[in-house]
């Protein structure tokens, strides 16, 4: 009996010791494991290289490790959400991935696209994998978070009453969209058709082509996305509300064009100082004065603001809950702590 008790005690001590031992990384290049799925050093390094400006001074060892820790944390969260999407059968289909891939490739020539892939250290398969992951997570969050958001009329009224001063507009504001044509192509700016004028003559021809399309009923937003040589092409040329005081500080020709338009109208091509052209569309004018709650635009603006706030809050809460339920081991964080931040420099 005594011997049996000693054997049981010895087994218990061994079990306790085994339970207290830290999990050992499956390999030196495994920086984290999420519910059995490995996140490798190379996964983190690839994202790290895409975020570090090669023309800026190199980050210190500590700064580099801190950024890699943050990237690893993002990848851990992404894997947790992807696992949930998998369990709910929300993984993006091949057709959805191909559609998004085609859309992401559209603004570039084939040469520019390949250069972009190379600069990002990506293959086409890598890019499609990233697209599938993001689309799947978006589908999960749309179902689990966005679809559950409800903004009531009472919520809108309460917000308006608590923030009354925000709806007293001091000066008229002009909601403007633009199509920009430049005489010198900017390699950092893209549109859906990768259309860029190479000189002033081509800029004039392109502006004439665009105004002809508008005159025959083409949609301003679609033309801006297809042809505008400005970052605003991604928003259909929409540059938001411009206060009258800011408009007065712009090119006099642009101000004159805006003031001559009625809501919904577009201007003729305006020859700008750099030799390019700008076509403006006046979407709406907001006069100075109080904005009343009865105004549908006020209601919609409040609804959008409240929805954005609530979505950010619910996304954060959802991720925290998902992370609590997952089994995560961050080997990189452990190594940094155990080495007091003196890991070999892997930049």
C-alpha atoms as a PDB file:
ATOM      1  CA  UNK A   1       0.000   0.000   0.000  1.00  0.00           C
ATOM      2  CA  UNK A   2       2.826   2.400   0.935  1.00  0.00           C
ATOM      3  CA  UNK A   3       4.615   1.650  -2.322  1.00  0.00           C
ATOM      4  CA  UNK A   4       1.416   2.281  -4.284  1.00  0.00           C
ATOM      5  CA  UNK A   5       0.956   5.641  -2.575  1.00  0.00           C
ATOM      6  CA  UNK A   6       4.558   6.587  -3.402  1.00  0.00           C
ATOM      7  CA  UNK A   7       4.081   5.636  -7.058  1.00  0.00           C
ATOM      8  CA  UNK A   8       0.867   7.708  -7.299  1.00  0.00           C
ATOM      9  CA  UNK A   9       2.600  10.667  -5.648  1.00  0.00           C
ATOM     10  CA  UNK A  10       5.543  10.388  -8.028  1.00  0.00           C
ATOM     11  CA  UNK A  11       3.200  10.332 -11.017  1.00  0.00           C
ATOM     12  CA  UNK A  12       1.349  13.362  -9.687  1.00  0.00           C
ATOM     13  CA  UNK A  13       4.619  15.279  -9.274  1.00  0.00           C
ATOM     14  CA  UNK A  14       5.657  14.369 -12.819  1.00  0.00           C
ATOM     15  CA  UNK A  15       2.285  15.471 -14.184  1.00  0.00           C
ATOM     16  CA  UNK A  16       2.514  18.750 -12.285  1.00  0.00           C
ATOM     17  CA  UNK A  17       6.019  19.358 -13.559  1.00  0.00           C
ATOM     18  CA  UNK A  18       4.952  18.642 -17.127  1.00  0.00           C
ATOM     19  CA  UNK A  19       2.016  21.046 -16.764  1.00  0.00           C
ATOM     20  CA  UNK A  20       4.278  23.801 -15.492  1.00  0.00           C
ATOM     21  CA  UNK A  21       6.730  23.472 -18.350  1.00  0.00           C
ATOM     22  CA  UNK A  22       6.289  26.099 -21.044  1.00  0.00           C
ATOM     23  CA  UNK A  23       5.179  25.026 -24.473  1.00  0.00           C
ATOM     24  CA  UNK A  24       8.205  24.707 -26.712  1.00  0.00           C
ATOM     25  CA  UNK A  25       8.034  26.337 -30.144  1.00  0.00           C
ATOM     26  CA  UNK A  26       7.610  23.719 -32.909  1.00  0.00           C
ATOM     27  CA  UNK A  27      10.541  25.336 -34.705  1.00  0.00           C
ATOM     28  CA  UNK A  28      12.762  28.433 -34.587  1.00  0.00           C
ATOM     29  CA  UNK A  29      10.786  30.078 -37.380  1.00  0.00           C
ATOM     30  CA  UNK A  30       7.407  29.594 -35.645  1.00  0.00           C
ATOM     31  CA  UNK A  31       6.571  32.881 -33.940  1.00  0.00           C
ATOM     32  CA  UNK A  32       3.035  32.054 -32.817  1.00  0.00           C
ATOM     33  CA  UNK A  33       0.470  29.264 -32.823  1.00  0.00           C
ATOM     34  CA  UNK A  34      -3.280  29.945 -32.937  1.00  0.00           C
ATOM     35  CA  UNK A  35      -5.451  26.920 -32.188  1.00  0.00           C
ATOM     36  CA  UNK A  36      -2.826  24.676 -33.744  1.00  0.00           C
ATOM     37  CA  UNK A  37      -2.143  26.873 -36.790  1.00  0.00           C
ATOM     38  CA  UNK A  38       1.366  28.276 -37.099  1.00  0.00           C
ATOM     39  CA  UNK A  39       2.309  31.862 -37.899  1.00  0.00           C
ATOM     40  CA  UNK A  40       5.851  31.900 -39.220  1.00  0.00           C
ATOM     41  CA  UNK A  41       8.608  34.453 -38.973  1.00  0.00           C
ATOM     42  CA  UNK A  42       8.510  34.885 -42.745  1.00  0.00           C
ATOM     43  CA  UNK A  43       4.819  35.892 -42.553  1.00  0.00           C
ATOM     44  CA  UNK A  44       5.688  38.719 -40.165  1.00  0.00           C
ATOM     45  CA  UNK A  45       8.832  39.744 -42.043  1.00  0.00           C
ATOM     46  CA  UNK A  46       6.920  40.086 -45.316  1.00  0.00           C
ATOM     47  CA  UNK A  47       4.437  42.527 -43.787  1.00  0.00           C
ATOM     48  CA  UNK A  48       7.253  44.297 -41.941  1.00  0.00           C
ATOM     49  CA  UNK A  49       9.168  44.964 -45.174  1.00  0.00           C
ATOM     50  CA  UNK A  50       6.044  46.436 -46.768  1.00  0.00           C
ATOM     51  CA  UNK A  51       5.613  48.909 -43.903  1.00  0.00           C
ATOM     52  CA  UNK A  52       9.178  50.135 -43.476  1.00  0.00           C
ATOM     53  CA  UNK A  53      10.164  53.055 -45.693  1.00  0.00           C
ATOM     54  CA  UNK A  54      13.365  51.977 -47.411  1.00  0.00           C
ATOM     55  CA  UNK A  55      14.314  55.621 -47.995  1.00  0.00           C
ATOM     56  CA  UNK A  56      13.998  56.583 -44.316  1.00  0.00           C
ATOM     57  CA  UNK A  57      16.630  55.863 -41.636  1.00  0.00           C
ATOM     58  CA  UNK A  58      16.517  52.222 -40.532  1.00  0.00           C
ATOM     59  CA  UNK A  59      14.568  51.682 -37.296  1.00  0.00           C
ATOM     60  CA  UNK A  60      16.513  50.736 -34.184  1.00  0.00           C
ATOM     61  CA  UNK A  61      16.580  47.109 -33.066  1.00  0.00           C
ATOM     62  CA  UNK A  62      13.984  47.846 -30.398  1.00  0.00           C
ATOM     63  CA  UNK A  63      11.747  49.765 -32.808  1.00  0.00           C
ATOM     64  CA  UNK A  64      11.937  46.930 -35.336  1.00  0.00           C
ATOM     65  CA  UNK A  65      11.018  44.297 -32.761  1.00  0.00           C
ATOM     66  CA  UNK A  66       8.157  46.438 -31.475  1.00  0.00           C
ATOM     67  CA  UNK A  67       6.725  46.793 -34.983  1.00  0.00           C
ATOM     68  CA  UNK A  68       7.094  43.044 -35.589  1.00  0.00           C
ATOM     69  CA  UNK A  69       5.292  42.309 -32.325  1.00  0.00           C
ATOM     70  CA  UNK A  70       2.419  44.552 -33.459  1.00  0.00           C
ATOM     71  CA  UNK A  71       2.297  42.879 -36.876  1.00  0.00           C
ATOM     72  CA  UNK A  72       2.312  39.433 -35.263  1.00  0.00           C
ATOM     73  CA  UNK A  73      -0.570  40.489 -33.030  1.00  0.00           C
ATOM     74  CA  UNK A  74      -2.529  41.592 -36.124  1.00  0.00           C
ATOM     75  CA  UNK A  75      -1.849  38.232 -37.805  1.00  0.00           C
ATOM     76  CA  UNK A  76      -2.967  36.391 -34.671  1.00  0.00           C
ATOM     77  CA  UNK A  77      -6.244  38.327 -34.629  1.00  0.00           C
ATOM     78  CA  UNK A  78      -6.693  37.706 -38.337  1.00  0.00           C
ATOM     79  CA  UNK A  79      -6.193  33.950 -37.904  1.00  0.00           C
ATOM     80  CA  UNK A  80      -8.676  33.834 -35.015  1.00  0.00           C
ATOM     81  CA  UNK A  81     -11.338  35.575 -37.123  1.00  0.00           C
ATOM     82  CA  UNK A  82     -10.545  33.434 -40.169  1.00  0.00           C
ATOM     83  CA  UNK A  83     -11.042  30.289 -38.073  1.00  0.00           C
ATOM     84  CA  UNK A  84     -14.445  31.590 -37.000  1.00  0.00           C
ATOM     85  CA  UNK A  85     -15.368  32.360 -40.603  1.00  0.00           C
ATOM     86  CA  UNK A  86     -14.367  28.807 -41.530  1.00  0.00           C
ATOM     87  CA  UNK A  87     -16.622  27.321 -38.826  1.00  0.00           C
ATOM     88  CA  UNK A  88     -19.550  29.425 -40.086  1.00  0.00           C
ATOM     89  CA  UNK A  89     -18.968  28.490 -43.750  1.00  0.00           C
ATOM     90  CA  UNK A  90     -18.196  32.120 -44.628  1.00  0.00           C
ATOM     91  CA  UNK A  91     -14.944  31.568 -46.523  1.00  0.00           C
ATOM     92  CA  UNK A  92     -14.911  33.632 -49.732  1.00  0.00           C
ATOM     93  CA  UNK A  93     -15.527  31.685 -52.933  1.00  0.00           C
ATOM     94  CA  UNK A  94     -13.063  31.441 -55.830  1.00  0.00           C
ATOM     95  CA  UNK A  95     -15.362  33.683 -57.880  1.00  0.00           C
ATOM     96  CA  UNK A  96     -15.389  36.365 -55.173  1.00  0.00           C
ATOM     97  CA  UNK A  97     -11.610  36.221 -54.908  1.00  0.00           C
ATOM     98  CA  UNK A  98     -11.158  36.499 -58.683  1.00  0.00           C
ATOM     99  CA  UNK A  99     -13.524  39.482 -58.868  1.00  0.00           C
ATOM    100  CA  UNK A 100     -11.613  41.296 -56.132  1.00  0.00           C
ATOM    101  CA  UNK A 101      -8.278  40.368 -57.687  1.00  0.00           C
ATOM    102  CA  UNK A 102      -9.374  41.787 -61.049  1.00  0.00           C
ATOM    103  CA  UNK A 103     -10.590  44.963 -59.342  1.00  0.00           C
ATOM    104  CA  UNK A 104      -7.296  45.432 -57.478  1.00  0.00           C
ATOM    105  CA  UNK A 105      -5.302  44.909 -60.665  1.00  0.00           C
ATOM    106  CA  UNK A 106      -7.408  47.179 -62.900  1.00  0.00           C
ATOM    107  CA  UNK A 107      -5.713  50.557 -62.161  1.00  0.00           C
ATOM    108  CA  UNK A 108      -2.280  49.284 -63.230  1.00  0.00           C
ATOM    109  CA  UNK A 109      -0.563  48.198 -66.406  1.00  0.00           C
ATOM    110  CA  UNK A 110       0.764  44.646 -66.298  1.00  0.00           C
ATOM    111  CA  UNK A 111       4.291  45.983 -65.784  1.00  0.00           C
ATOM    112  CA  UNK A 112       3.210  48.261 -62.929  1.00  0.00           C
ATOM    113  CA  UNK A 113       1.262  45.429 -61.338  1.00  0.00           C
ATOM    114  CA  UNK A 114       4.245  43.083 -61.419  1.00  0.00           C
ATOM    115  CA  UNK A 115       6.470  45.811 -59.960  1.00  0.00           C
ATOM    116  CA  UNK A 116       3.956  46.351 -57.163  1.00  0.00           C
ATOM    117  CA  UNK A 117       3.896  42.625 -56.390  1.00  0.00           C
ATOM    118  CA  UNK A 118       7.680  42.498 -56.351  1.00  0.00           C
ATOM    119  CA  UNK A 119       7.935  45.541 -54.089  1.00  0.00           C
ATOM    120  CA  UNK A 120       5.471  43.902 -51.679  1.00  0.00           C
ATOM    121  CA  UNK A 121       7.363  40.578 -51.828  1.00  0.00           C
ATOM    122  CA  UNK A 122       4.183  38.863 -53.020  1.00  0.00           C
ATOM    123  CA  UNK A 123       3.321  36.256 -55.609  1.00  0.00           C
ATOM    124  CA  UNK A 124      -0.087  36.207 -57.284  1.00  0.00           C
ATOM    125  CA  UNK A 125      -1.022  33.221 -55.108  1.00  0.00           C
ATOM    126  CA  UNK A 126       0.026  35.172 -52.000  1.00  0.00           C
ATOM    127  CA  UNK A 127      -2.131  38.115 -53.057  1.00  0.00           C
ATOM    128  CA  UNK A 128      -5.146  35.912 -53.758  1.00  0.00           C
ATOM    129  CA  UNK A 129      -4.676  34.207 -50.392  1.00  0.00           C
ATOM    130  CA  UNK A 130      -4.624  37.616 -48.666  1.00  0.00           C
ATOM    131  CA  UNK A 131      -7.741  38.647 -50.604  1.00  0.00           C
ATOM    132  CA  UNK A 132      -9.574  35.448 -49.604  1.00  0.00           C
ATOM    133  CA  UNK A 133      -8.615  35.960 -45.962  1.00  0.00           C
ATOM    134  CA  UNK A 134      -9.821  39.594 -45.893  1.00  0.00           C
ATOM    135  CA  UNK A 135     -13.053  38.899 -47.775  1.00  0.00           C
ATOM    136  CA  UNK A 136     -13.834  36.013 -45.414  1.00  0.00           C
ATOM    137  CA  UNK A 137     -13.200  38.124 -42.320  1.00  0.00           C
ATOM    138  CA  UNK A 138     -15.343  40.917 -43.787  1.00  0.00           C
ATOM    139  CA  UNK A 139     -18.192  38.440 -44.341  1.00  0.00           C
ATOM    140  CA  UNK A 140     -17.862  37.232 -40.744  1.00  0.00           C
ATOM    141  CA  UNK A 141     -17.882  40.749 -39.270  1.00  0.00           C
ATOM    142  CA  UNK A 142     -20.750  41.836 -41.506  1.00  0.00           C
ATOM    143  CA  UNK A 143     -22.860  38.980 -40.159  1.00  0.00           C
ATOM    144  CA  UNK A 144     -21.740  39.042 -36.537  1.00  0.00           C
ATOM    145  CA  UNK A 145     -21.324  42.803 -36.038  1.00  0.00           C
ATOM    146  CA  UNK A 146     -22.581  45.099 -38.796  1.00  0.00           C
ATOM    147  CA  UNK A 147     -25.914  43.327 -39.298  1.00  0.00           C
ATOM    148  CA  UNK A 148     -26.708  43.718 -35.597  1.00  0.00           C
ATOM    149  CA  UNK A 149     -26.290  47.497 -35.493  1.00  0.00           C
ATOM    150  CA  UNK A 150     -29.511  49.442 -35.155  1.00  0.00           C
ATOM    151  CA  UNK A 151     -29.759  53.245 -34.984  1.00  0.00           C
ATOM    152  CA  UNK A 152     -33.184  54.463 -33.865  1.00  0.00           C
ATOM    153  CA  UNK A 153     -34.816  57.823 -34.508  1.00  0.00           C
ATOM    154  CA  UNK A 154     -34.524  58.501 -30.791  1.00  0.00           C
ATOM    155  CA  UNK A 155     -30.754  57.924 -30.980  1.00  0.00           C
ATOM    156  CA  UNK A 156     -30.547  60.542 -33.731  1.00  0.00           C
ATOM    157  CA  UNK A 157     -32.657  63.042 -31.781  1.00  0.00           C
ATOM    158  CA  UNK A 158     -30.590  62.568 -28.619  1.00  0.00           C
ATOM    159  CA  UNK A 159     -27.341  63.096 -30.521  1.00  0.00           C
ATOM    160  CA  UNK A 160     -28.684  66.239 -32.195  1.00  0.00           C
ATOM    161  CA  UNK A 161     -29.821  67.742 -28.885  1.00  0.00           C
ATOM    162  CA  UNK A 162     -26.536  66.965 -27.133  1.00  0.00           C
ATOM    163  CA  UNK A 163     -24.420  68.386 -29.977  1.00  0.00           C
ATOM    164  CA  UNK A 164     -26.585  71.305 -31.035  1.00  0.00           C
ATOM    165  CA  UNK A 165     -23.672  73.692 -31.640  1.00  0.00           C
ATOM    166  CA  UNK A 166     -22.188  71.396 -34.298  1.00  0.00           C
ATOM    167  CA  UNK A 167     -25.182  72.088 -36.531  1.00  0.00           C
ATOM    168  CA  UNK A 168     -24.743  75.844 -36.596  1.00  0.00           C
ATOM    169  CA  UNK A 169     -22.782  76.382 -39.817  1.00  0.00           C
ATOM    170  CA  UNK A 170     -20.816  79.632 -39.818  1.00  0.00           C
ATOM    171  CA  UNK A 171     -20.435  79.992 -43.623  1.00  0.00           C
ATOM    172  CA  UNK A 172     -21.764  78.471 -46.835  1.00  0.00           C
ATOM    173  CA  UNK A 173     -20.208  75.167 -47.882  1.00  0.00           C
ATOM    174  CA  UNK A 174     -19.974  73.661 -51.347  1.00  0.00           C
ATOM    175  CA  UNK A 175     -20.041  69.899 -51.882  1.00  0.00           C
ATOM    176  CA  UNK A 176     -17.773  69.357 -54.875  1.00  0.00           C
ATOM    177  CA  UNK A 177     -16.527  66.535 -57.077  1.00  0.00           C
ATOM    178  CA  UNK A 178     -13.732  66.863 -59.620  1.00  0.00           C
ATOM    179  CA  UNK A 179     -12.062  65.172 -62.558  1.00  0.00           C
ATOM    180  CA  UNK A 180      -8.395  66.145 -62.834  1.00  0.00           C
ATOM    181  CA  UNK A 181      -6.210  65.815 -65.917  1.00  0.00           C
ATOM    182  CA  UNK A 182      -2.493  66.527 -65.539  1.00  0.00           C
ATOM    183  CA  UNK A 183       0.128  67.127 -68.240  1.00  0.00           C
ATOM    184  CA  UNK A 184       2.733  65.040 -66.405  1.00  0.00           C
ATOM    185  CA  UNK A 185       1.771  61.515 -65.288  1.00  0.00           C
ATOM    186  CA  UNK A 186       2.213  60.795 -61.592  1.00  0.00           C
ATOM    187  CA  UNK A 187       3.293  57.146 -61.024  1.00  0.00           C
ATOM    188  CA  UNK A 188       1.739  57.149 -57.540  1.00  0.00           C
ATOM    189  CA  UNK A 189      -1.756  58.055 -58.785  1.00  0.00           C
ATOM    190  CA  UNK A 190      -3.972  55.520 -60.531  1.00  0.00           C
ATOM    191  CA  UNK A 191      -7.439  55.317 -62.022  1.00  0.00           C
ATOM    192  CA  UNK A 192      -9.437  52.311 -63.190  1.00  0.00           C
ATOM    193  CA  UNK A 193      -8.395  52.635 -66.831  1.00  0.00           C
ATOM    194  CA  UNK A 194      -4.825  53.663 -66.011  1.00  0.00           C
ATOM    195  CA  UNK A 195      -5.455  56.699 -68.236  1.00  0.00           C
ATOM    196  CA  UNK A 196      -2.787  59.420 -67.965  1.00  0.00           C
ATOM    197  CA  UNK A 197      -1.945  62.327 -70.236  1.00  0.00           C
ATOM    198  CA  UNK A 198       1.768  62.573 -71.088  1.00  0.00           C
ATOM    199  CA  UNK A 199       1.896  66.276 -72.021  1.00  0.00           C
ATOM    200  CA  UNK A 200      -0.234  69.434 -72.272  1.00  0.00           C
ATOM    201  CA  UNK A 201      -1.567  68.560 -75.719  1.00  0.00           C
ATOM    202  CA  UNK A 202      -2.754  65.133 -74.567  1.00  0.00           C
ATOM    203  CA  UNK A 203      -4.223  66.720 -71.442  1.00  0.00           C
ATOM    204  CA  UNK A 204      -6.313  69.051 -73.621  1.00  0.00           C
ATOM    205  CA  UNK A 205      -7.486  66.177 -75.825  1.00  0.00           C
ATOM    206  CA  UNK A 206      -8.401  64.076 -72.800  1.00  0.00           C
ATOM    207  CA  UNK A 207     -10.330  66.943 -71.168  1.00  0.00           C
ATOM    208  CA  UNK A 208     -12.276  67.467 -74.424  1.00  0.00           C
ATOM    209  CA  UNK A 209     -13.074  63.741 -74.598  1.00  0.00           C
ATOM    210  CA  UNK A 210     -14.332  63.775 -71.007  1.00  0.00           C
ATOM    211  CA  UNK A 211     -16.577  66.799 -71.455  1.00  0.00           C
ATOM    212  CA  UNK A 212     -18.026  65.180 -74.584  1.00  0.00           C
ATOM    213  CA  UNK A 213     -18.861  62.061 -72.565  1.00  0.00           C
ATOM    214  CA  UNK A 214     -20.493  64.172 -69.847  1.00  0.00           C
ATOM    215  CA  UNK A 215     -22.478  66.144 -72.416  1.00  0.00           C
ATOM    216  CA  UNK A 216     -23.854  62.878 -73.804  1.00  0.00           C
ATOM    217  CA  UNK A 217     -25.009  61.645 -70.398  1.00  0.00           C
ATOM    218  CA  UNK A 218     -22.041  59.761 -68.936  1.00  0.00           C
ATOM    219  CA  UNK A 219     -21.978  59.440 -65.137  1.00  0.00           C
ATOM    220  CA  UNK A 220     -19.562  61.908 -63.499  1.00  0.00           C
ATOM    221  CA  UNK A 221     -18.622  59.526 -60.692  1.00  0.00           C
ATOM    222  CA  UNK A 222     -17.808  56.666 -63.063  1.00  0.00           C
ATOM    223  CA  UNK A 223     -15.746  58.934 -65.326  1.00  0.00           C
ATOM    224  CA  UNK A 224     -13.781  60.224 -62.330  1.00  0.00           C
ATOM    225  CA  UNK A 225     -12.992  56.680 -61.217  1.00  0.00           C
ATOM    226  CA  UNK A 226     -11.991  55.700 -64.757  1.00  0.00           C
ATOM    227  CA  UNK A 227      -9.996  58.763 -65.844  1.00  0.00           C
ATOM    228  CA  UNK A 228      -9.214  61.287 -63.086  1.00  0.00           C
ATOM    229  CA  UNK A 229      -5.495  61.712 -62.396  1.00  0.00           C
ATOM    230  CA  UNK A 230      -5.943  62.527 -58.730  1.00  0.00           C
ATOM    231  CA  UNK A 231      -6.245  60.460 -55.517  1.00  0.00           C
ATOM    232  CA  UNK A 232      -9.919  61.496 -55.377  1.00  0.00           C
ATOM    233  CA  UNK A 233     -10.571  59.163 -58.338  1.00  0.00           C
ATOM    234  CA  UNK A 234     -11.037  56.364 -55.788  1.00  0.00           C
ATOM    235  CA  UNK A 235     -14.074  58.216 -54.359  1.00  0.00           C
ATOM    236  CA  UNK A 236     -15.549  59.101 -57.735  1.00  0.00           C
ATOM    237  CA  UNK A 237     -13.937  62.551 -57.581  1.00  0.00           C
ATOM    238  CA  UNK A 238     -15.834  63.510 -54.405  1.00  0.00           C
ATOM    239  CA  UNK A 239     -13.712  65.921 -52.338  1.00  0.00           C
ATOM    240  CA  UNK A 240     -16.406  66.688 -49.770  1.00  0.00           C
ATOM    241  CA  UNK A 241     -17.681  70.031 -48.500  1.00  0.00           C
ATOM    242  CA  UNK A 242     -15.475  73.077 -49.081  1.00  0.00           C
ATOM    243  CA  UNK A 243     -16.131  76.161 -46.891  1.00  0.00           C
ATOM    244  CA  UNK A 244     -16.526  79.421 -48.800  1.00  0.00           C
ATOM    245  CA  UNK A 245     -13.421  80.861 -47.123  1.00  0.00           C
ATOM    246  CA  UNK A 246     -11.308  77.952 -48.422  1.00  0.00           C
ATOM    247  CA  UNK A 247     -12.814  78.346 -51.867  1.00  0.00           C
ATOM    248  CA  UNK A 248     -11.746  81.998 -51.840  1.00  0.00           C
ATOM    249  CA  UNK A 249      -8.127  80.925 -51.283  1.00  0.00           C
ATOM    250  CA  UNK A 250      -8.126  78.581 -54.286  1.00  0.00           C
ATOM    251  CA  UNK A 251      -7.461  79.346 -57.951  1.00  0.00           C
ATOM    252  CA  UNK A 252      -9.833  82.230 -58.887  1.00  0.00           C
ATOM    253  CA  UNK A 253     -10.903  80.329 -62.003  1.00  0.00           C
ATOM    254  CA  UNK A 254     -11.998  77.359 -59.879  1.00  0.00           C
ATOM    255  CA  UNK A 255     -13.942  79.604 -57.485  1.00  0.00           C
ATOM    256  CA  UNK A 256     -15.638  81.373 -60.377  1.00  0.00           C
ATOM    257  CA  UNK A 257     -16.647  78.026 -61.892  1.00  0.00           C
ATOM    258  CA  UNK A 258     -18.113  76.731 -58.620  1.00  0.00           C
ATOM    259  CA  UNK A 259     -20.124  79.883 -57.977  1.00  0.00           C
ATOM    260  CA  UNK A 260     -21.556  79.769 -61.499  1.00  0.00           C
ATOM    261  CA  UNK A 261     -22.933  76.241 -61.077  1.00  0.00           C
ATOM    262  CA  UNK A 262     -26.236  75.010 -59.725  1.00  0.00           C
ATOM    263  CA  UNK A 263     -26.445  71.763 -57.778  1.00  0.00           C
ATOM    264  CA  UNK A 264     -26.052  68.832 -60.170  1.00  0.00           C
ATOM    265  CA  UNK A 265     -24.291  70.826 -62.887  1.00  0.00           C
ATOM    266  CA  UNK A 266     -20.686  70.378 -64.062  1.00  0.00           C
ATOM    267  CA  UNK A 267     -18.247  72.949 -65.440  1.00  0.00           C
ATOM    268  CA  UNK A 268     -16.392  73.114 -68.702  1.00  0.00           C
ATOM    269  CA  UNK A 269     -12.694  72.067 -68.442  1.00  0.00           C
ATOM    270  CA  UNK A 270     -10.788  74.703 -66.450  1.00  0.00           C
ATOM    271  CA  UNK A 271      -7.209  75.239 -67.607  1.00  0.00           C
ATOM    272  CA  UNK A 272      -5.062  75.165 -64.464  1.00  0.00           C
ATOM    273  CA  UNK A 273      -1.715  76.823 -63.793  1.00  0.00           C
ATOM    274  CA  UNK A 274       0.254  73.582 -64.198  1.00  0.00           C
ATOM    275  CA  UNK A 275      -1.021  73.121 -67.745  1.00  0.00           C
ATOM    276  CA  UNK A 276      -3.661  70.566 -66.825  1.00  0.00           C
ATOM    277  CA  UNK A 277      -7.439  70.695 -66.652  1.00  0.00           C
ATOM    278  CA  UNK A 278     -10.098  70.298 -63.963  1.00  0.00           C
ATOM    279  CA  UNK A 279     -13.776  69.579 -64.467  1.00  0.00           C
ATOM    280  CA  UNK A 280     -15.914  70.397 -61.426  1.00  0.00           C
ATOM    281  CA  UNK A 281     -19.337  69.198 -60.408  1.00  0.00           C
ATOM    282  CA  UNK A 282     -21.377  70.978 -57.741  1.00  0.00           C
ATOM    283  CA  UNK A 283     -23.201  68.284 -55.809  1.00  0.00           C
ATOM    284  CA  UNK A 284     -24.892  70.515 -53.242  1.00  0.00           C
ATOM    285  CA  UNK A 285     -24.667  73.865 -51.451  1.00  0.00           C
ATOM    286  CA  UNK A 286     -25.104  74.160 -47.691  1.00  0.00           C
ATOM    287  CA  UNK A 287     -26.007  77.751 -46.741  1.00  0.00           C
ATOM    288  CA  UNK A 288     -24.835  79.275 -43.464  1.00  0.00           C
ATOM    289  CA  UNK A 289     -27.128  78.964 -40.462  1.00  0.00           C
ATOM    290  CA  UNK A 290     -28.713  76.357 -38.242  1.00  0.00           C
ATOM    291  CA  UNK A 291     -29.225  72.844 -39.566  1.00  0.00           C
ATOM    292  CA  UNK A 292     -32.546  71.563 -38.318  1.00  0.00           C
ATOM    293  CA  UNK A 293     -33.181  67.978 -37.274  1.00  0.00           C
ATOM    294  CA  UNK A 294     -35.981  67.839 -39.833  1.00  0.00           C
ATOM    295  CA  UNK A 295     -33.349  68.082 -42.614  1.00  0.00           C
ATOM    296  CA  UNK A 296     -32.882  64.550 -44.104  1.00  0.00           C
ATOM    297  CA  UNK A 297     -29.177  65.260 -44.721  1.00  0.00           C
ATOM    298  CA  UNK A 298     -28.682  66.109 -41.035  1.00  0.00           C
ATOM    299  CA  UNK A 299     -30.427  62.901 -40.019  1.00  0.00           C
ATOM    300  CA  UNK A 300     -28.339  60.833 -42.411  1.00  0.00           C
ATOM    301  CA  UNK A 301     -25.085  62.430 -41.262  1.00  0.00           C
ATOM    302  CA  UNK A 302     -25.933  61.672 -37.625  1.00  0.00           C
ATOM    303  CA  UNK A 303     -27.004  58.128 -38.490  1.00  0.00           C
ATOM    304  CA  UNK A 304     -23.707  57.514 -40.296  1.00  0.00           C
ATOM    305  CA  UNK A 305     -21.668  58.911 -37.396  1.00  0.00           C
ATOM    306  CA  UNK A 306     -23.516  56.823 -34.804  1.00  0.00           C
ATOM    307  CA  UNK A 307     -23.253  53.689 -36.919  1.00  0.00           C
ATOM    308  CA  UNK A 308     -19.503  54.168 -37.324  1.00  0.00           C
ATOM    309  CA  UNK A 309     -19.019  54.646 -33.581  1.00  0.00           C
ATOM    310  CA  UNK A 310     -21.087  51.600 -32.702  1.00  0.00           C
ATOM    311  CA  UNK A 311     -19.405  49.451 -35.335  1.00  0.00           C
ATOM    312  CA  UNK A 312     -15.943  50.293 -33.983  1.00  0.00           C
ATOM    313  CA  UNK A 313     -17.059  49.438 -30.449  1.00  0.00           C
ATOM    314  CA  UNK A 314     -18.709  46.146 -31.410  1.00  0.00           C
ATOM    315  CA  UNK A 315     -15.783  45.081 -33.597  1.00  0.00           C
ATOM    316  CA  UNK A 316     -13.414  45.600 -30.651  1.00  0.00           C
ATOM    317  CA  UNK A 317     -15.689  43.690 -28.264  1.00  0.00           C
ATOM    318  CA  UNK A 318     -16.158  40.853 -30.761  1.00  0.00           C
ATOM    319  CA  UNK A 319     -12.411  40.473 -31.265  1.00  0.00           C
ATOM    320  CA  UNK A 320     -11.748  40.462 -27.512  1.00  0.00           C
ATOM    321  CA  UNK A 321     -14.352  37.737 -27.010  1.00  0.00           C
ATOM    322  CA  UNK A 322     -12.990  35.694 -29.920  1.00  0.00           C
ATOM    323  CA  UNK A 323      -9.452  36.005 -28.614  1.00  0.00           C
ATOM    324  CA  UNK A 324     -10.501  34.906 -25.117  1.00  0.00           C
ATOM    325  CA  UNK A 325     -11.925  31.704 -26.591  1.00  0.00           C
ATOM    326  CA  UNK A 326      -8.845  30.929 -28.707  1.00  0.00           C
ATOM    327  CA  UNK A 327      -5.670  29.168 -27.596  1.00  0.00           C
ATOM    328  CA  UNK A 328      -2.787  31.445 -28.556  1.00  0.00           C
ATOM    329  CA  UNK A 329       0.924  31.060 -27.857  1.00  0.00           C
ATOM    330  CA  UNK A 330       3.128  33.999 -28.843  1.00  0.00           C
ATOM    331  CA  UNK A 331       6.656  32.610 -28.959  1.00  0.00           C
ATOM    332  CA  UNK A 332       8.177  35.857 -30.216  1.00  0.00           C
ATOM    333  CA  UNK A 333       6.876  37.803 -27.218  1.00  0.00           C
ATOM    334  CA  UNK A 334       8.189  35.114 -24.879  1.00  0.00           C
ATOM    335  CA  UNK A 335      11.623  35.140 -26.517  1.00  0.00           C
ATOM    336  CA  UNK A 336      11.837  38.925 -26.297  1.00  0.00           C
ATOM    337  CA  UNK A 337      11.006  38.826 -22.593  1.00  0.00           C
ATOM    338  CA  UNK A 338      13.428  36.000 -21.823  1.00  0.00           C
ATOM    339  CA  UNK A 339      16.249  37.705 -23.702  1.00  0.00           C
ATOM    340  CA  UNK A 340      15.410  41.135 -22.240  1.00  0.00           C
ATOM    341  CA  UNK A 341      14.918  42.402 -25.784  1.00  0.00           C
ATOM    342  CA  UNK A 342      18.289  41.141 -27.019  1.00  0.00           C
ATOM    343  CA  UNK A 343      17.157  38.827 -29.764  1.00  0.00           C
ATOM    344  CA  UNK A 344      19.482  38.566 -32.772  1.00  0.00           C
ATOM    345  CA  UNK A 345      18.756  41.393 -35.186  1.00  0.00           C
ATOM    346  CA  UNK A 346      16.742  39.950 -38.094  1.00  0.00           C
ATOM    347  CA  UNK A 347      16.203  43.151 -40.107  1.00  0.00           C
END
